[in-house]
Amino acid sequence: MSKYKMGDEFSLDEIMKSGKDFSTFELKGYQIEGNTAIHSETQEAILLQNMLDEIRNV
């Protein structure tokens, strides 16, 4: 059972440590690799800190 529940807020450090992937409000999927988000289809790399406001779920 996860220590997190729906609606919890995460810090950037928590996302980088425990997240493997996430989706945005636009329903785009990204893989988390360190401090970088990699779009699964296009391989576009974006710093995770630049996407915090767009993350819907981890």
PDB file of N, CA and C in Angstrom:
ATOM      1  N   MET A   1       0.841  -1.182   0.000  1.00  0.00           N
ATOM      2  CA  MET A   1       0.000   0.000   0.000  1.00  0.00           C
ATOM      3  C   MET A   1       0.886   1.245   0.000  1.00  0.00           C
ATOM      4  N   SER A   2       0.554   2.198  -0.817  1.00  0.00           N
ATOM      5  CA  SER A   2       1.331   3.428  -0.961  1.00  0.00           C
ATOM      6  C   SER A   2       1.093   4.365   0.219  1.00  0.00           C
ATOM      7  N   LYS A   3       2.129   5.128   0.563  1.00  0.00           N
ATOM      8  CA  LYS A   3       1.962   6.114   1.631  1.00  0.00           C
ATOM      9  C   LYS A   3       1.291   7.375   1.114  1.00  0.00           C
ATOM     10  N   TYR A   4       1.084   7.459  -0.187  1.00  0.00           N
ATOM     11  CA  TYR A   4       0.456   8.620  -0.800  1.00  0.00           C
ATOM     12  C   TYR A   4      -0.981   8.294  -1.172  1.00  0.00           C
ATOM     13  N   LYS A   5      -1.821   9.319  -1.175  1.00  0.00           N
ATOM     14  CA  LYS A   5      -3.199   9.131  -1.622  1.00  0.00           C
ATOM     15  C   LYS A   5      -3.557  10.201  -2.641  1.00  0.00           C
ATOM     16  N   MET A   6      -4.618   9.967  -3.368  1.00  0.00           N
ATOM     17  CA  MET A   6      -5.024  10.894  -4.417  1.00  0.00           C
ATOM     18  C   MET A   6      -5.203  12.293  -3.830  1.00  0.00           C
ATOM     19  N   GLY A   7      -4.678  13.273  -4.526  1.00  0.00           N
ATOM     20  CA  GLY A   7      -4.792  14.647  -4.095  1.00  0.00           C
ATOM     21  C   GLY A   7      -3.607  15.153  -3.303  1.00  0.00           C
ATOM     22  N   ASP A   8      -2.698  14.243  -2.910  1.00  0.00           N
ATOM     23  CA  ASP A   8      -1.492  14.667  -2.199  1.00  0.00           C
ATOM     24  C   ASP A   8      -0.640  15.532  -3.114  1.00  0.00           C
ATOM     25  N   GLU A   9       0.047  16.499  -2.517  1.00  0.00           N
ATOM     26  CA  GLU A   9       0.991  17.315  -3.279  1.00  0.00           C
ATOM     27  C   GLU A   9       2.396  16.791  -3.042  1.00  0.00           C
ATOM     28  N   PHE A  10       3.236  16.873  -4.052  1.00  0.00           N
ATOM     29  CA  PHE A  10       4.596  16.357  -4.003  1.00  0.00           C
ATOM     30  C   PHE A  10       5.590  17.477  -4.262  1.00  0.00           C
ATOM     31  N   SER A  11       6.728  17.378  -3.613  1.00  0.00           N
ATOM     32  CA  SER A  11       7.813  18.308  -3.921  1.00  0.00           C
ATOM     33  C   SER A  11       8.580  17.761  -5.121  1.00  0.00           C
ATOM     34  N   LEU A  12       9.407  18.607  -5.705  1.00  0.00           N
ATOM     35  CA  LEU A  12      10.239  18.175  -6.824  1.00  0.00           C
ATOM     36  C   LEU A  12      11.137  17.014  -6.398  1.00  0.00           C
ATOM     37  N   ASP A  13      11.721  17.088  -5.213  1.00  0.00           N
ATOM     38  CA  ASP A  13      12.582  15.999  -4.723  1.00  0.00           C
ATOM     39  C   ASP A  13      11.819  14.689  -4.585  1.00  0.00           C
ATOM     40  N   GLU A  14      10.578  14.741  -4.063  1.00  0.00           N
ATOM     41  CA  GLU A  14       9.780  13.520  -3.912  1.00  0.00           C
ATOM     42  C   GLU A  14       9.446  12.907  -5.267  1.00  0.00           C
ATOM     43  N   ILE A  15       9.146  13.739  -6.238  1.00  0.00           N
ATOM     44  CA  ILE A  15       8.842  13.232  -7.578  1.00  0.00           C
ATOM     45  C   ILE A  15      10.071  12.553  -8.179  1.00  0.00           C
ATOM     46  N   MET A  16      11.239  13.183  -8.042  1.00  0.00           N
ATOM     47  CA  MET A  16      12.460  12.608  -8.614  1.00  0.00           C
ATOM     48  C   MET A  16      12.845  11.307  -7.909  1.00  0.00           C
ATOM     49  N   LYS A  17      12.594  11.188  -6.601  1.00  0.00           N
ATOM     50  CA  LYS A  17      12.966   9.979  -5.852  1.00  0.00           C
ATOM     51  C   LYS A  17      11.988   8.835  -6.071  1.00  0.00           C
ATOM     52  N   SER A  18      10.682   9.114  -6.056  1.00  0.00           N
ATOM     53  CA  SER A  18       9.736   8.015  -6.090  1.00  0.00           C
ATOM     54  C   SER A  18       8.969   7.830  -7.381  1.00  0.00           C
ATOM     55  N   GLY A  19       8.998   8.831  -8.250  1.00  0.00           N
ATOM     56  CA  GLY A  19       8.231   8.715  -9.485  1.00  0.00           C
ATOM     57  C   GLY A  19       9.012   8.037 -10.588  1.00  0.00           C
ATOM     58  N   LYS A  20       8.296   7.298 -11.419  1.00  0.00           N
ATOM     59  CA  LYS A  20       8.899   6.675 -12.593  1.00  0.00           C
ATOM     60  C   LYS A  20       8.374   7.327 -13.856  1.00  0.00           C
ATOM     61  N   ASP A  21       7.130   7.750 -13.782  1.00  0.00           N
ATOM     62  CA  ASP A  21       6.522   8.426 -14.924  1.00  0.00           C
ATOM     63  C   ASP A  21       5.386   9.315 -14.424  1.00  0.00           C
ATOM     64  N   PHE A  22       4.892  10.167 -15.307  1.00  0.00           N
ATOM     65  CA  PHE A  22       3.771  11.026 -14.970  1.00  0.00           C
ATOM     66  C   PHE A  22       3.038  11.420 -16.231  1.00  0.00           C
ATOM     67  N   SER A  23       1.841  11.936 -16.042  1.00  0.00           N
ATOM     68  CA  SER A  23       1.101  12.489 -17.171  1.00  0.00           C
ATOM     69  C   SER A  23       0.738  13.928 -16.852  1.00  0.00           C
ATOM     70  N   THR A  24       0.532  14.705 -17.908  1.00  0.00           N
ATOM     71  CA  THR A  24       0.195  16.114 -17.762  1.00  0.00           C
ATOM     72  C   THR A  24      -1.309  16.301 -17.893  1.00  0.00           C
ATOM     73  N   PHE A  25      -1.772  17.524 -17.664  1.00  0.00           N
ATOM     74  CA  PHE A  25      -3.191  17.824 -17.839  1.00  0.00           C
ATOM     75  C   PHE A  25      -3.604  17.702 -19.308  1.00  0.00           C
ATOM     76  N   GLU A  26      -2.634  17.752 -20.221  1.00  0.00           N
ATOM     77  CA  GLU A  26      -2.909  17.552 -21.644  1.00  0.00           C
ATOM     78  C   GLU A  26      -2.833  16.078 -22.017  1.00  0.00           C
ATOM     79  N   LEU A  27      -2.688  15.199 -21.009  1.00  0.00           N
ATOM     80  CA  LEU A  27      -2.620  13.740 -21.149  1.00  0.00           C
ATOM     81  C   LEU A  27      -1.417  13.266 -21.951  1.00  0.00           C
ATOM     82  N   LYS A  28      -0.299  13.975 -21.816  1.00  0.00           N
ATOM     83  CA  LYS A  28       0.957  13.538 -22.412  1.00  0.00           C
ATOM     84  C   LYS A  28       1.719  12.757 -21.355  1.00  0.00           C
ATOM     85  N   GLY A  29       2.322  11.638 -21.749  1.00  0.00           N
ATOM     86  CA  GLY A  29       3.062  10.806 -20.815  1.00  0.00           C
ATOM     87  C   GLY A  29       4.563  11.067 -20.881  1.00  0.00           C
ATOM     88  N   TYR A  30       5.204  11.108 -19.728  1.00  0.00           N
ATOM     89  CA  TYR A  30       6.643  11.338 -19.631  1.00  0.00           C
ATOM     90  C   TYR A  30       7.265  10.327 -18.678  1.00  0.00           C
ATOM     91  N   GLN A  31       8.486   9.929 -18.967  1.00  0.00           N
ATOM     92  CA  GLN A  31       9.289   9.097 -18.082  1.00  0.00           C
ATOM     93  C   GLN A  31      10.199  10.019 -17.279  1.00  0.00           C
ATOM     94  N   ILE A  32      10.413   9.707 -16.001  1.00  0.00           N
ATOM     95  CA  ILE A  32      11.281  10.507 -15.158  1.00  0.00           C
ATOM     96  C   ILE A  32      12.653   9.852 -15.115  1.00  0.00           C
ATOM     97  N   GLU A  33      13.668  10.605 -15.502  1.00  0.00           N
ATOM     98  CA  GLU A  33      15.057  10.142 -15.442  1.00  0.00           C
ATOM     99  C   GLU A  33      15.867  11.215 -14.733  1.00  0.00           C
ATOM    100  N   GLY A  34      16.077  11.025 -13.429  1.00  0.00           N
ATOM    101  CA  GLY A  34      16.777  12.035 -12.629  1.00  0.00           C
ATOM    102  C   GLY A  34      15.951  13.290 -12.539  1.00  0.00           C
ATOM    103  N   ASN A  35      16.484  14.406 -13.010  1.00  0.00           N
ATOM    104  CA  ASN A  35      15.750  15.677 -12.970  1.00  0.00           C
ATOM    105  C   ASN A  35      15.160  16.037 -14.331  1.00  0.00           C
ATOM    106  N   THR A  36      15.043  15.031 -15.195  1.00  0.00           N
ATOM    107  CA  THR A  36      14.572  15.258 -16.567  1.00  0.00           C
ATOM    108  C   THR A  36      13.321  14.443 -16.853  1.00  0.00           C
ATOM    109  N   ALA A  37      12.405  15.039 -17.594  1.00  0.00           N
ATOM    110  CA  ALA A  37      11.210  14.358 -18.079  1.00  0.00           C
ATOM    111  C   ALA A  37      11.416  14.054 -19.556  1.00  0.00           C
ATOM    112  N   ILE A  38      11.225  12.796 -19.938  1.00  0.00           N
ATOM    113  CA  ILE A  38      11.402  12.365 -21.326  1.00  0.00           C
ATOM    114  C   ILE A  38      10.034  11.953 -21.879  1.00  0.00           C
ATOM    115  N   HIS A  39       9.605  12.621 -22.943  1.00  0.00           N
ATOM    116  CA  HIS A  39       8.335  12.244 -23.575  1.00  0.00           C
ATOM    117  C   HIS A  39       8.505  10.872 -24.200  1.00  0.00           C
ATOM    118  N   SER A  40       7.592   9.970 -23.889  1.00  0.00           N
ATOM    119  CA  SER A  40       7.761   8.578 -24.315  1.00  0.00           C
ATOM    120  C   SER A  40       7.712   8.361 -25.823  1.00  0.00           C
ATOM    121  N   GLU A  41       7.026   9.185 -26.563  1.00  0.00           N
ATOM    122  CA  GLU A  41       6.944   8.987 -28.011  1.00  0.00           C
ATOM    123  C   GLU A  41       7.987   9.802 -28.786  1.00  0.00           C
ATOM    124  N   THR A  42       8.173  11.072 -28.420  1.00  0.00           N
ATOM    125  CA  THR A  42       9.056  11.943 -29.191  1.00  0.00           C
ATOM    126  C   THR A  42      10.483  11.984 -28.657  1.00  0.00           C
ATOM    127  N   GLN A  43      10.695  11.474 -27.445  1.00  0.00           N
ATOM    128  CA  GLN A  43      11.992  11.500 -26.754  1.00  0.00           C
ATOM    129  C   GLN A  43      12.437  12.923 -26.411  1.00  0.00           C
ATOM    130  N   GLU A  44      11.516  13.885 -26.454  1.00  0.00           N
ATOM    131  CA  GLU A  44      11.816  15.256 -26.060  1.00  0.00           C
ATOM    132  C   GLU A  44      12.174  15.272 -24.571  1.00  0.00           C
ATOM    133  N   ALA A  45      13.267  15.942 -24.223  1.00  0.00           N
ATOM    134  CA  ALA A  45      13.725  16.028 -22.839  1.00  0.00           C
ATOM    135  C   ALA A  45      13.488  17.435 -22.300  1.00  0.00           C
ATOM    136  N   ILE A  46      12.861  17.522 -21.117  1.00  0.00           N
ATOM    137  CA  ILE A  46      12.556  18.794 -20.481  1.00  0.00           C
ATOM    138  C   ILE A  46      12.927  18.668 -19.004  1.00  0.00           C
ATOM    139  N   LEU A  47      13.511  19.717 -18.450  1.00  0.00           N
ATOM    140  CA  LEU A  47      13.800  19.692 -17.019  1.00  0.00           C
ATOM    141  C   LEU A  47      12.499  19.569 -16.235  1.00  0.00           C
ATOM    142  N   LEU A  48      12.489  18.663 -15.291  1.00  0.00           N
ATOM    143  CA  LEU A  48      11.301  18.395 -14.493  1.00  0.00           C
ATOM    144  C   LEU A  48      10.803  19.653 -13.786  1.00  0.00           C
ATOM    145  N   GLN A  49      11.710  20.468 -13.287  1.00  0.00           N
ATOM    146  CA  GLN A  49      11.305  21.680 -12.574  1.00  0.00           C
ATOM    147  C   GLN A  49      10.531  22.642 -13.463  1.00  0.00           C
ATOM    148  N   ASN A  50      10.715  22.558 -14.774  1.00  0.00           N
ATOM    149  CA  ASN A  50       9.987  23.429 -15.698  1.00  0.00           C
ATOM    150  C   ASN A  50       8.584  22.909 -16.004  1.00  0.00           C
ATOM    151  N   MET A  51       8.255  21.716 -15.498  1.00  0.00           N
ATOM    152  CA  MET A  51       6.957  21.116 -15.801  1.00  0.00           C
ATOM    153  C   MET A  51       6.064  20.948 -14.586  1.00  0.00           C
ATOM    154  N   LEU A  52       6.493  21.394 -13.417  1.00  0.00           N
ATOM    155  CA  LEU A  52       5.747  21.132 -12.189  1.00  0.00           C
ATOM    156  C   LEU A  52       4.282  21.556 -12.278  1.00  0.00           C
ATOM    157  N   ASP A  53       3.987  22.688 -12.870  1.00  0.00           N
ATOM    158  CA  ASP A  53       2.603  23.170 -12.967  1.00  0.00           C
ATOM    159  C   ASP A  53       1.765  22.358 -13.942  1.00  0.00           C
ATOM    160  N   GLU A  54       2.396  21.543 -14.772  1.00  0.00           N
ATOM    161  CA  GLU A  54       1.675  20.769 -15.785  1.00  0.00           C
ATOM    162  C   GLU A  54       1.395  19.333 -15.357  1.00  0.00           C
ATOM    163  N   ILE A  55       2.019  18.873 -14.274  1.00  0.00           N
ATOM    164  CA  ILE A  55       1.897  17.465 -13.858  1.00  0.00           C
ATOM    165  C   ILE A  55       0.524  17.206 -13.255  1.00  0.00           C
ATOM    166  N   ARG A  56      -0.141  16.198 -13.798  1.00  0.00           N
ATOM    167  CA  ARG A  56      -1.455  15.809 -13.310  1.00  0.00           C
ATOM    168  C   ARG A  56      -1.349  14.678 -12.292  1.00  0.00           C
ATOM    169  N   ASN A  57      -0.626  13.625 -12.653  1.00  0.00           N
ATOM    170  CA  ASN A  57      -0.451  12.501 -11.730  1.00  0.00           C
ATOM    171  C   ASN A  57       0.887  11.838 -11.937  1.00  0.00           C
ATOM    172  N   VAL A  58       1.437  11.293 -10.834  1.00  0.00           N
ATOM    173  CA  VAL A  58       2.738  10.638 -10.843  1.00  0.00           C
ATOM    174  C   VAL A  58       2.529   9.167 -10.576  1.00  0.00           C
TER     175      VAL A  58
END
